[in-house]
Structure formats: structure tokens, C-alpha cells
Amino acid sequence: MRLLAIANMVTEGNRLADVGCDHGYLSIYLVSKKKVPSAIAMDVRPGPLSRARENISRYGLEDYIETRLSDGLMKMEPGEGDSLVIAGMGGPLMERILNDGVKVREGFQELILQPQSDLPHFRHFLAEIGWEIVSEEMIKEDGKFYPMMKAVRNEFGKKISYTEEEAWFGPLLLRECHPVLKEYLLREAAIREKILAGLLSAPSESAKARLAEVKEEMELIKSALKRYESI
């Protein structure tokens, strides 16, 4: 389900670059469905890349999917791909990959991203480097929530910024009152309630500081949930 959701965000006819390709399933799916004409599947780990090569060979797609052992975008040149997918890793690592490969990054038409942590900071980061979120999705798979986004370069120089609520939960997910986001918000509210109950009885200064943080997070969650009251 997660792979399909990411695949649906890729623009048809674009050349794909998949960073952190794991076993190569995304490239295989998109090429075999003829949604993309070619793909470069990259991973920093030799083991998964070897399995990706085996899978690509099994489907007879060696002429269409190239594999590269690469730390992020280090083994790519600007203009070699149109759609960049980075999925299944933490926000700080994805930020590092996009910063280290800035020249290659700016050669893509779109970024399809699925960060697994630090989403508020990561969304602000995208805005700061001039990429605007134009599509978002969230799915629940095996009890875990996976937010994903498509960003395109801001060609017109307009200032992109997100409120803290948008940065935390996704500007388009909030606007659309996405049903899976609501389930996620309710879960996060329940988690914060338990944390608050434990912190209220803790006397330490660090507990007091964390208490203030959790209260702020709870207010953001409540504000986001209010959007669902009228639907």
C-alpha cells in the first residue's frame, strides 16, 4: 500500500531516481507498469542493492533500470532524472541528502518524499530551499502512519511558509481533512494525555520543561482536530 501511494505521486513519463531503493520494488513497479521509461535505483548498502539487481533481473528489466551504489545523490549527475523519490528514512538524513546533492537536486522536476521523523522541521526546510508541497498523502499500514509529499520548485519567487500546525501535520492533509490524518491526530492526542499525566507528578526542572512542550503539542493537535468538526 505504501509503495503504491508513493508510485501514484510520480508523474507519468518522468525518468525516476530512487534513493534508498532497498530491494528495487518501486522502480520495478513503475517501469513494468510503463508509468516511467527508465529508473536509477540507488542505495548506500551493497546488500539491498544486490537484491535489487536480482529482482530487476527476475523481471527482465535490466535495460530500463540501472543500479548504483551511492550515498544519497553522490553518484548522480544533474539532469539524469525527472522525479526523485526518497522514502523510508528519517527527516534529518533526507535533509542531509538533499543539501549534499544540491546541484543534482535542482535538476529534478519533482521530489516525492516520505520522511519518518522530524516532519515539522523537514517541511520548513523544504520551504526554505524553495520547494513547495503540492500534494500530500497519509496511509496507515501495519499499525504505523506514513505521511508522504510531493514538492516542486518554486519558479516564481513567492515566499513559501507554513504555520506550525501545517508544518506538524501537513498543509494539504489539513486542508483536505484527510481521514487518516484524523486517526493519527486522535492517537497522538491519547499519547500526549498519558505523557501529561506522568509529567504532572514529576518535580524536576526537565519534567517541567517537557510538560510545557507537550502542552504546546497538545494545543496544535486540538487545533487540527477542530477542522474536522464541521464535516
C-alpha atoms as a PDB file:
ATOM      1  CA  MET A   1       0.000   0.000   0.000  1.00  0.00           C
ATOM      2  CA  ARG A   2       2.773   2.412   0.889  1.00  0.00           C
ATOM      3  CA  LEU A   3       4.710   1.656  -2.309  1.00  0.00           C
ATOM      4  CA  LEU A   4       1.579   2.175  -4.391  1.00  0.00           C
ATOM      5  CA  ALA A   5       0.849   5.509  -2.720  1.00  0.00           C
ATOM      6  CA  ILE A   6       4.382   6.730  -3.480  1.00  0.00           C
ATOM      7  CA  ALA A   7       4.172   5.404  -7.046  1.00  0.00           C
ATOM      8  CA  ASN A   8       0.925   7.302  -7.609  1.00  0.00           C
ATOM      9  CA  MET A   9       2.715  10.584  -6.869  1.00  0.00           C
ATOM     10  CA  VAL A  10       5.287  10.101  -9.650  1.00  0.00           C
ATOM     11  CA  THR A  11       4.394  11.984 -12.836  1.00  0.00           C
ATOM     12  CA  GLU A  12       3.846   9.662 -15.774  1.00  0.00           C
ATOM     13  CA  GLY A  13       6.612   9.742 -18.371  1.00  0.00           C
ATOM     14  CA  ASN A  14       9.267  11.037 -15.983  1.00  0.00           C
ATOM     15  CA  ARG A  15      12.636   9.348 -15.520  1.00  0.00           C
ATOM     16  CA  LEU A  16      12.824   8.042 -11.954  1.00  0.00           C
ATOM     17  CA  ALA A  17      15.650   8.242  -9.416  1.00  0.00           C
ATOM     18  CA  ASP A  18      15.033   6.242  -6.243  1.00  0.00           C
ATOM     19  CA  VAL A  19      17.418   6.959  -3.352  1.00  0.00           C
ATOM     20  CA  GLY A  20      17.419   4.238  -0.711  1.00  0.00           C
ATOM     21  CA  CYS A  21      15.836   1.827  -3.187  1.00  0.00           C
ATOM     22  CA  ASP A  22      16.081  -1.164  -0.840  1.00  0.00           C
ATOM     23  CA  HIS A  23      15.029  -4.161  -2.990  1.00  0.00           C
ATOM     24  CA  GLY A  24      14.146  -2.065  -6.038  1.00  0.00           C
ATOM     25  CA  TYR A  25      10.413  -2.693  -5.902  1.00  0.00           C
ATOM     26  CA  LEU A  26       9.357   0.885  -6.656  1.00  0.00           C
ATOM     27  CA  SER A  27      11.448   1.104  -9.820  1.00  0.00           C
ATOM     28  CA  ILE A  28      10.303  -2.350 -10.906  1.00  0.00           C
ATOM     29  CA  TYR A  29       6.651  -1.473 -10.367  1.00  0.00           C
ATOM     30  CA  LEU A  30       6.786   1.863 -12.201  1.00  0.00           C
ATOM     31  CA  VAL A  31       8.800   0.564 -15.162  1.00  0.00           C
ATOM     32  CA  SER A  32       6.766  -2.630 -15.524  1.00  0.00           C
ATOM     33  CA  LYS A  33       3.543  -0.590 -15.499  1.00  0.00           C
ATOM     34  CA  LYS A  34       5.145   1.683 -18.134  1.00  0.00           C
ATOM     35  CA  LYS A  35       4.493   4.733 -15.985  1.00  0.00           C
ATOM     36  CA  VAL A  36       8.176   5.706 -16.241  1.00  0.00           C
ATOM     37  CA  PRO A  37      10.510   4.920 -19.167  1.00  0.00           C
ATOM     38  CA  SER A  38      13.571   4.291 -17.008  1.00  0.00           C
ATOM     39  CA  ALA A  39      14.867   4.358 -13.454  1.00  0.00           C
ATOM     40  CA  ILE A  40      18.075   4.674 -11.478  1.00  0.00           C
ATOM     41  CA  ALA A  41      17.832   2.687  -8.240  1.00  0.00           C
ATOM     42  CA  MET A  42      20.417   3.683  -5.636  1.00  0.00           C
ATOM     43  CA  ASP A  43      21.322   2.507  -2.163  1.00  0.00           C
ATOM     44  CA  VAL A  44      24.261   3.098   0.157  1.00  0.00           C
ATOM     45  CA  ARG A  45      24.190  -0.553   1.266  1.00  0.00           C
ATOM     46  CA  PRO A  46      25.626  -3.271  -1.010  1.00  0.00           C
ATOM     47  CA  GLY A  47      23.300  -5.979   0.340  1.00  0.00           C
ATOM     48  CA  PRO A  48      19.953  -4.401  -0.570  1.00  0.00           C
ATOM     49  CA  LEU A  49      21.377  -3.178  -3.886  1.00  0.00           C
ATOM     50  CA  SER A  50      22.446  -6.727  -4.758  1.00  0.00           C
ATOM     51  CA  ARG A  51      18.926  -7.967  -4.020  1.00  0.00           C
ATOM     52  CA  ALA A  52      17.528  -5.117  -6.124  1.00  0.00           C
ATOM     53  CA  ARG A  53      19.690  -6.275  -9.054  1.00  0.00           C
ATOM     54  CA  GLU A  54      18.404  -9.826  -8.610  1.00  0.00           C
ATOM     55  CA  ASN A  55      14.791  -8.619  -8.593  1.00  0.00           C
ATOM     56  CA  ILE A  56      15.335  -6.395 -11.630  1.00  0.00           C
ATOM     57  CA  SER A  57      16.874  -9.340 -13.485  1.00  0.00           C
ATOM     58  CA  ARG A  58      13.996 -11.598 -12.480  1.00  0.00           C
ATOM     59  CA  TYR A  59      11.586  -9.202 -14.189  1.00  0.00           C
ATOM     60  CA  GLY A  60      13.867  -8.783 -17.216  1.00  0.00           C
ATOM     61  CA  LEU A  61      14.186  -5.021 -16.727  1.00  0.00           C
ATOM     62  CA  GLU A  62      17.988  -4.633 -16.797  1.00  0.00           C
ATOM     63  CA  ASP A  63      17.773  -2.434 -19.914  1.00  0.00           C
ATOM     64  CA  TYR A  64      15.437   0.001 -18.148  1.00  0.00           C
ATOM     65  CA  ILE A  65      16.608   0.097 -14.524  1.00  0.00           C
ATOM     66  CA  GLU A  66      20.187   0.954 -13.602  1.00  0.00           C
ATOM     67  CA  THR A  67      21.516   0.331 -10.092  1.00  0.00           C
ATOM     68  CA  ARG A  68      24.181   2.424  -8.391  1.00  0.00           C
ATOM     69  CA  LEU A  69      25.917   2.095  -5.037  1.00  0.00           C
ATOM     70  CA  SER A  70      25.588   5.660  -3.818  1.00  0.00           C
ATOM     71  CA  ASP A  71      25.446   7.704  -0.651  1.00  0.00           C
ATOM     72  CA  GLY A  72      22.386   9.776  -1.458  1.00  0.00           C
ATOM     73  CA  LEU A  73      22.816  11.629  -4.747  1.00  0.00           C
ATOM     74  CA  MET A  74      26.605  11.404  -4.855  1.00  0.00           C
ATOM     75  CA  LYS A  75      26.669   9.072  -7.879  1.00  0.00           C
ATOM     76  CA  MET A  76      24.224  11.102  -9.981  1.00  0.00           C
ATOM     77  CA  GLU A  77      24.761  13.994 -12.352  1.00  0.00           C
ATOM     78  CA  PRO A  78      22.347  16.936 -12.743  1.00  0.00           C
ATOM     79  CA  GLY A  79      19.646  16.209 -15.309  1.00  0.00           C
ATOM     80  CA  GLU A  80      19.809  12.398 -15.140  1.00  0.00           C
ATOM     81  CA  GLY A  81      16.319  12.139 -13.672  1.00  0.00           C
ATOM     82  CA  ASP A  82      12.997  13.986 -13.525  1.00  0.00           C
ATOM     83  CA  SER A  83      11.343  12.538 -10.398  1.00  0.00           C
ATOM     84  CA  LEU A  84      13.358  11.968  -7.228  1.00  0.00           C
ATOM     85  CA  VAL A  85      11.967   9.594  -4.614  1.00  0.00           C
ATOM     86  CA  ILE A  86      13.447   9.396  -1.127  1.00  0.00           C
ATOM     87  CA  ALA A  87      11.397   7.261   1.244  1.00  0.00           C
ATOM     88  CA  GLY A  88      11.719   5.270   4.416  1.00  0.00           C
ATOM     89  CA  MET A  89      14.348   7.255   6.286  1.00  0.00           C
ATOM     90  CA  GLY A  90      14.481   9.963   8.931  1.00  0.00           C
ATOM     91  CA  GLY A  91      13.913  13.610   8.115  1.00  0.00           C
ATOM     92  CA  PRO A  92      17.439  14.741   9.137  1.00  0.00           C
ATOM     93  CA  LEU A  93      19.054  12.151   6.851  1.00  0.00           C
ATOM     94  CA  MET A  94      16.815  13.171   3.953  1.00  0.00           C
ATOM     95  CA  GLU A  95      17.698  16.813   4.583  1.00  0.00           C
ATOM     96  CA  ARG A  96      21.397  15.933   4.509  1.00  0.00           C
ATOM     97  CA  ILE A  97      20.984  14.053   1.212  1.00  0.00           C
ATOM     98  CA  LEU A  98      19.145  16.983  -0.393  1.00  0.00           C
ATOM     99  CA  ASN A  99      21.706  19.506   0.856  1.00  0.00           C
ATOM    100  CA  ASP A 100      24.769  17.449  -0.080  1.00  0.00           C
ATOM    101  CA  GLY A 101      23.340  16.842  -3.542  1.00  0.00           C
ATOM    102  CA  VAL A 102      22.038  20.358  -4.125  1.00  0.00           C
ATOM    103  CA  LYS A 103      23.281  20.584  -7.730  1.00  0.00           C
ATOM    104  CA  VAL A 104      21.633  17.286  -8.628  1.00  0.00           C
ATOM    105  CA  ARG A 105      18.515  18.154  -6.610  1.00  0.00           C
ATOM    106  CA  GLU A 106      17.888  21.293  -8.607  1.00  0.00           C
ATOM    107  CA  GLY A 107      17.872  19.270 -11.838  1.00  0.00           C
ATOM    108  CA  PHE A 108      14.714  17.385 -10.845  1.00  0.00           C
ATOM    109  CA  GLN A 109      11.175  18.424 -11.707  1.00  0.00           C
ATOM    110  CA  GLU A 110       9.659  16.968  -8.533  1.00  0.00           C
ATOM    111  CA  LEU A 111      10.605  15.461  -5.189  1.00  0.00           C
ATOM    112  CA  ILE A 112       8.486  12.656  -3.734  1.00  0.00           C
ATOM    113  CA  LEU A 113       9.413  12.312  -0.076  1.00  0.00           C
ATOM    114  CA  GLN A 114       8.360  10.095   2.805  1.00  0.00           C
ATOM    115  CA  PRO A 115      10.244  11.197   5.937  1.00  0.00           C
ATOM    116  CA  GLN A 116       9.769   9.063   9.027  1.00  0.00           C
ATOM    117  CA  SER A 117      10.748  11.634  11.652  1.00  0.00           C
ATOM    118  CA  ASP A 118      11.135  15.361  12.363  1.00  0.00           C
ATOM    119  CA  LEU A 119       8.365  16.311   9.947  1.00  0.00           C
ATOM    120  CA  PRO A 120       7.816  19.881  11.246  1.00  0.00           C
ATOM    121  CA  HIS A 121      11.450  20.784  10.689  1.00  0.00           C
ATOM    122  CA  PHE A 122      11.540  18.946   7.362  1.00  0.00           C
ATOM    123  CA  ARG A 123       8.545  20.815   5.934  1.00  0.00           C
ATOM    124  CA  HIS A 124      10.077  24.139   6.999  1.00  0.00           C
ATOM    125  CA  PHE A 125      13.341  23.018   5.381  1.00  0.00           C
ATOM    126  CA  LEU A 126      11.632  22.380   2.037  1.00  0.00           C
ATOM    127  CA  ALA A 127      10.120  25.859   2.127  1.00  0.00           C
ATOM    128  CA  GLU A 128      13.493  27.412   2.959  1.00  0.00           C
ATOM    129  CA  ILE A 129      15.215  25.791  -0.027  1.00  0.00           C
ATOM    130  CA  GLY A 130      12.452  26.924  -2.375  1.00  0.00           C
ATOM    131  CA  TRP A 131      10.412  23.751  -2.870  1.00  0.00           C
ATOM    132  CA  GLU A 132       6.641  23.879  -2.380  1.00  0.00           C
ATOM    133  CA  ILE A 133       4.477  20.963  -1.252  1.00  0.00           C
ATOM    134  CA  VAL A 134       1.811  20.451  -3.928  1.00  0.00           C
ATOM    135  CA  SER A 135       0.437  17.050  -2.938  1.00  0.00           C
ATOM    136  CA  GLU A 136       0.262  15.041   0.276  1.00  0.00           C
ATOM    137  CA  GLU A 137      -0.928  11.605   1.288  1.00  0.00           C
ATOM    138  CA  MET A 138      -1.045   9.644   4.533  1.00  0.00           C
ATOM    139  CA  ILE A 139      -1.638   5.931   4.869  1.00  0.00           C
ATOM    140  CA  LYS A 140      -1.825   3.536   7.792  1.00  0.00           C
ATOM    141  CA  GLU A 141      -0.063   0.224   7.259  1.00  0.00           C
ATOM    142  CA  ASP A 142       0.532  -2.461   9.874  1.00  0.00           C
ATOM    143  CA  GLY A 143      -0.456  -0.038  12.626  1.00  0.00           C
ATOM    144  CA  LYS A 144       2.004   2.669  11.536  1.00  0.00           C
ATOM    145  CA  PHE A 145       1.274   6.010   9.905  1.00  0.00           C
ATOM    146  CA  TYR A 146       3.189   7.116   6.821  1.00  0.00           C
ATOM    147  CA  PRO A 147       2.907  10.727   5.607  1.00  0.00           C
ATOM    148  CA  MET A 148       4.282  11.466   2.153  1.00  0.00           C
ATOM    149  CA  MET A 149       4.512  14.557  -0.010  1.00  0.00           C
ATOM    150  CA  LYS A 150       5.316  15.800  -3.490  1.00  0.00           C
ATOM    151  CA  ALA A 151       7.206  19.081  -3.811  1.00  0.00           C
ATOM    152  CA  VAL A 152       8.019  21.163  -6.877  1.00  0.00           C
ATOM    153  CA  ARG A 153      10.467  24.010  -7.250  1.00  0.00           C
ATOM    154  CA  ASN A 154       9.069  27.464  -6.613  1.00  0.00           C
ATOM    155  CA  GLU A 155       9.665  29.059 -10.017  1.00  0.00           C
ATOM    156  CA  PHE A 156       8.056  32.427  -9.328  1.00  0.00           C
ATOM    157  CA  GLY A 157       9.983  33.572  -6.286  1.00  0.00           C
ATOM    158  CA  LYS A 158       6.993  33.689  -3.954  1.00  0.00           C
ATOM    159  CA  LYS A 159       7.767  33.195  -0.288  1.00  0.00           C
ATOM    160  CA  ILE A 160       6.712  29.765   0.947  1.00  0.00           C
ATOM    161  CA  SER A 161       5.966  29.395   4.638  1.00  0.00           C
ATOM    162  CA  TYR A 162       3.954  27.067   6.832  1.00  0.00           C
ATOM    163  CA  THR A 163       2.318  27.655  10.184  1.00  0.00           C
ATOM    164  CA  GLU A 164       3.440  25.371  12.988  1.00  0.00           C
ATOM    165  CA  GLU A 165       0.185  23.436  12.653  1.00  0.00           C
ATOM    166  CA  GLU A 166       0.808  22.964   8.913  1.00  0.00           C
ATOM    167  CA  ALA A 167       4.428  22.019   9.489  1.00  0.00           C
ATOM    168  CA  TRP A 168       3.464  19.394  12.052  1.00  0.00           C
ATOM    169  CA  PHE A 169       0.570  17.786  10.215  1.00  0.00           C
ATOM    170  CA  GLY A 170       0.790  18.809   6.562  1.00  0.00           C
ATOM    171  CA  PRO A 171      -0.811  21.868   4.911  1.00  0.00           C
ATOM    172  CA  LEU A 172      -2.735  19.845   2.329  1.00  0.00           C
ATOM    173  CA  LEU A 173      -3.670  16.995   4.665  1.00  0.00           C
ATOM    174  CA  LEU A 174      -5.199  19.604   6.970  1.00  0.00           C
ATOM    175  CA  ARG A 175      -6.938  21.470   4.150  1.00  0.00           C
ATOM    176  CA  GLU A 176      -8.463  18.256   2.839  1.00  0.00           C
ATOM    177  CA  CYS A 177      -9.346  16.981   6.339  1.00  0.00           C
ATOM    178  CA  HIS A 178      -7.694  13.718   5.380  1.00  0.00           C
ATOM    179  CA  PRO A 179      -9.408  10.816   7.207  1.00  0.00           C
ATOM    180  CA  VAL A 180      -6.166   9.005   8.064  1.00  0.00           C
ATOM    181  CA  LEU A 181      -4.739  12.230   9.474  1.00  0.00           C
ATOM    182  CA  LYS A 182      -7.720  12.416  11.838  1.00  0.00           C
ATOM    183  CA  GLU A 183      -6.990   8.896  13.073  1.00  0.00           C
ATOM    184  CA  TYR A 184      -3.352   9.898  13.555  1.00  0.00           C
ATOM    185  CA  LEU A 185      -4.317  13.058  15.468  1.00  0.00           C
ATOM    186  CA  LEU A 186      -6.605  11.128  17.813  1.00  0.00           C
ATOM    187  CA  ARG A 187      -3.835   8.657  18.520  1.00  0.00           C
ATOM    188  CA  GLU A 188      -1.321  11.448  19.146  1.00  0.00           C
ATOM    189  CA  ALA A 189      -3.777  13.191  21.488  1.00  0.00           C
ATOM    190  CA  ALA A 190      -4.180   9.997  23.527  1.00  0.00           C
ATOM    191  CA  ILE A 191      -0.393   9.595  23.720  1.00  0.00           C
ATOM    192  CA  ARG A 192       0.024  13.198  24.907  1.00  0.00           C
ATOM    193  CA  GLU A 193      -2.664  12.733  27.578  1.00  0.00           C
ATOM    194  CA  LYS A 194      -0.697   9.843  29.074  1.00  0.00           C
ATOM    195  CA  ILE A 195       2.545  11.793  28.934  1.00  0.00           C
ATOM    196  CA  LEU A 196       0.932  14.795  30.614  1.00  0.00           C
ATOM    197  CA  ALA A 197      -0.459  12.630  33.403  1.00  0.00           C
ATOM    198  CA  GLY A 198       3.024  11.311  34.152  1.00  0.00           C
ATOM    199  CA  LEU A 199       4.754  14.685  33.946  1.00  0.00           C
ATOM    200  CA  LEU A 200       2.310  16.467  36.256  1.00  0.00           C
ATOM    201  CA  SER A 201       3.597  14.432  39.203  1.00  0.00           C
ATOM    202  CA  ALA A 202       7.290  14.837  38.289  1.00  0.00           C
ATOM    203  CA  PRO A 203       9.032  17.656  40.226  1.00  0.00           C
ATOM    204  CA  SER A 204      12.251  18.019  38.201  1.00  0.00           C
ATOM    205  CA  GLU A 205      13.045  21.065  36.078  1.00  0.00           C
ATOM    206  CA  SER A 206      13.479  18.896  33.000  1.00  0.00           C
ATOM    207  CA  ALA A 207       9.995  17.456  33.575  1.00  0.00           C
ATOM    208  CA  LYS A 208       8.571  20.971  33.806  1.00  0.00           C
ATOM    209  CA  ALA A 209      10.231  21.929  30.530  1.00  0.00           C
ATOM    210  CA  ARG A 210       8.913  18.798  28.844  1.00  0.00           C
ATOM    211  CA  LEU A 211       5.475  19.488  30.304  1.00  0.00           C
ATOM    212  CA  ALA A 212       5.398  22.873  28.563  1.00  0.00           C
ATOM    213  CA  GLU A 213       6.449  21.268  25.266  1.00  0.00           C
ATOM    214  CA  VAL A 214       3.779  18.583  25.461  1.00  0.00           C
ATOM    215  CA  LYS A 215       1.108  21.164  26.284  1.00  0.00           C
ATOM    216  CA  GLU A 216       2.085  23.135  23.169  1.00  0.00           C
ATOM    217  CA  GLU A 217       1.946  19.973  21.072  1.00  0.00           C
ATOM    218  CA  MET A 218      -1.474  19.165  22.533  1.00  0.00           C
ATOM    219  CA  GLU A 219      -2.786  22.598  21.549  1.00  0.00           C
ATOM    220  CA  LEU A 220      -1.613  22.050  17.977  1.00  0.00           C
ATOM    221  CA  ILE A 221      -3.356  18.670  17.879  1.00  0.00           C
ATOM    222  CA  LYS A 222      -6.594  20.120  19.268  1.00  0.00           C
ATOM    223  CA  SER A 223      -6.471  22.962  16.763  1.00  0.00           C
ATOM    224  CA  ALA A 224      -6.028  20.486  13.910  1.00  0.00           C
ATOM    225  CA  LEU A 225      -8.898  18.316  15.149  1.00  0.00           C
ATOM    226  CA  LYS A 226     -11.248  21.305  15.169  1.00  0.00           C
ATOM    227  CA  ARG A 227     -11.076  21.317  11.381  1.00  0.00           C
ATOM    228  CA  TYR A 228     -12.982  18.019  11.368  1.00  0.00           C
ATOM    229  CA  GLU A 229     -15.900  19.269  13.466  1.00  0.00           C
ATOM    230  CA  SER A 230     -17.798  20.727  10.509  1.00  0.00           C
ATOM    231  CA  ILE A 231     -17.583  17.670   8.240  1.00  0.00           C
END
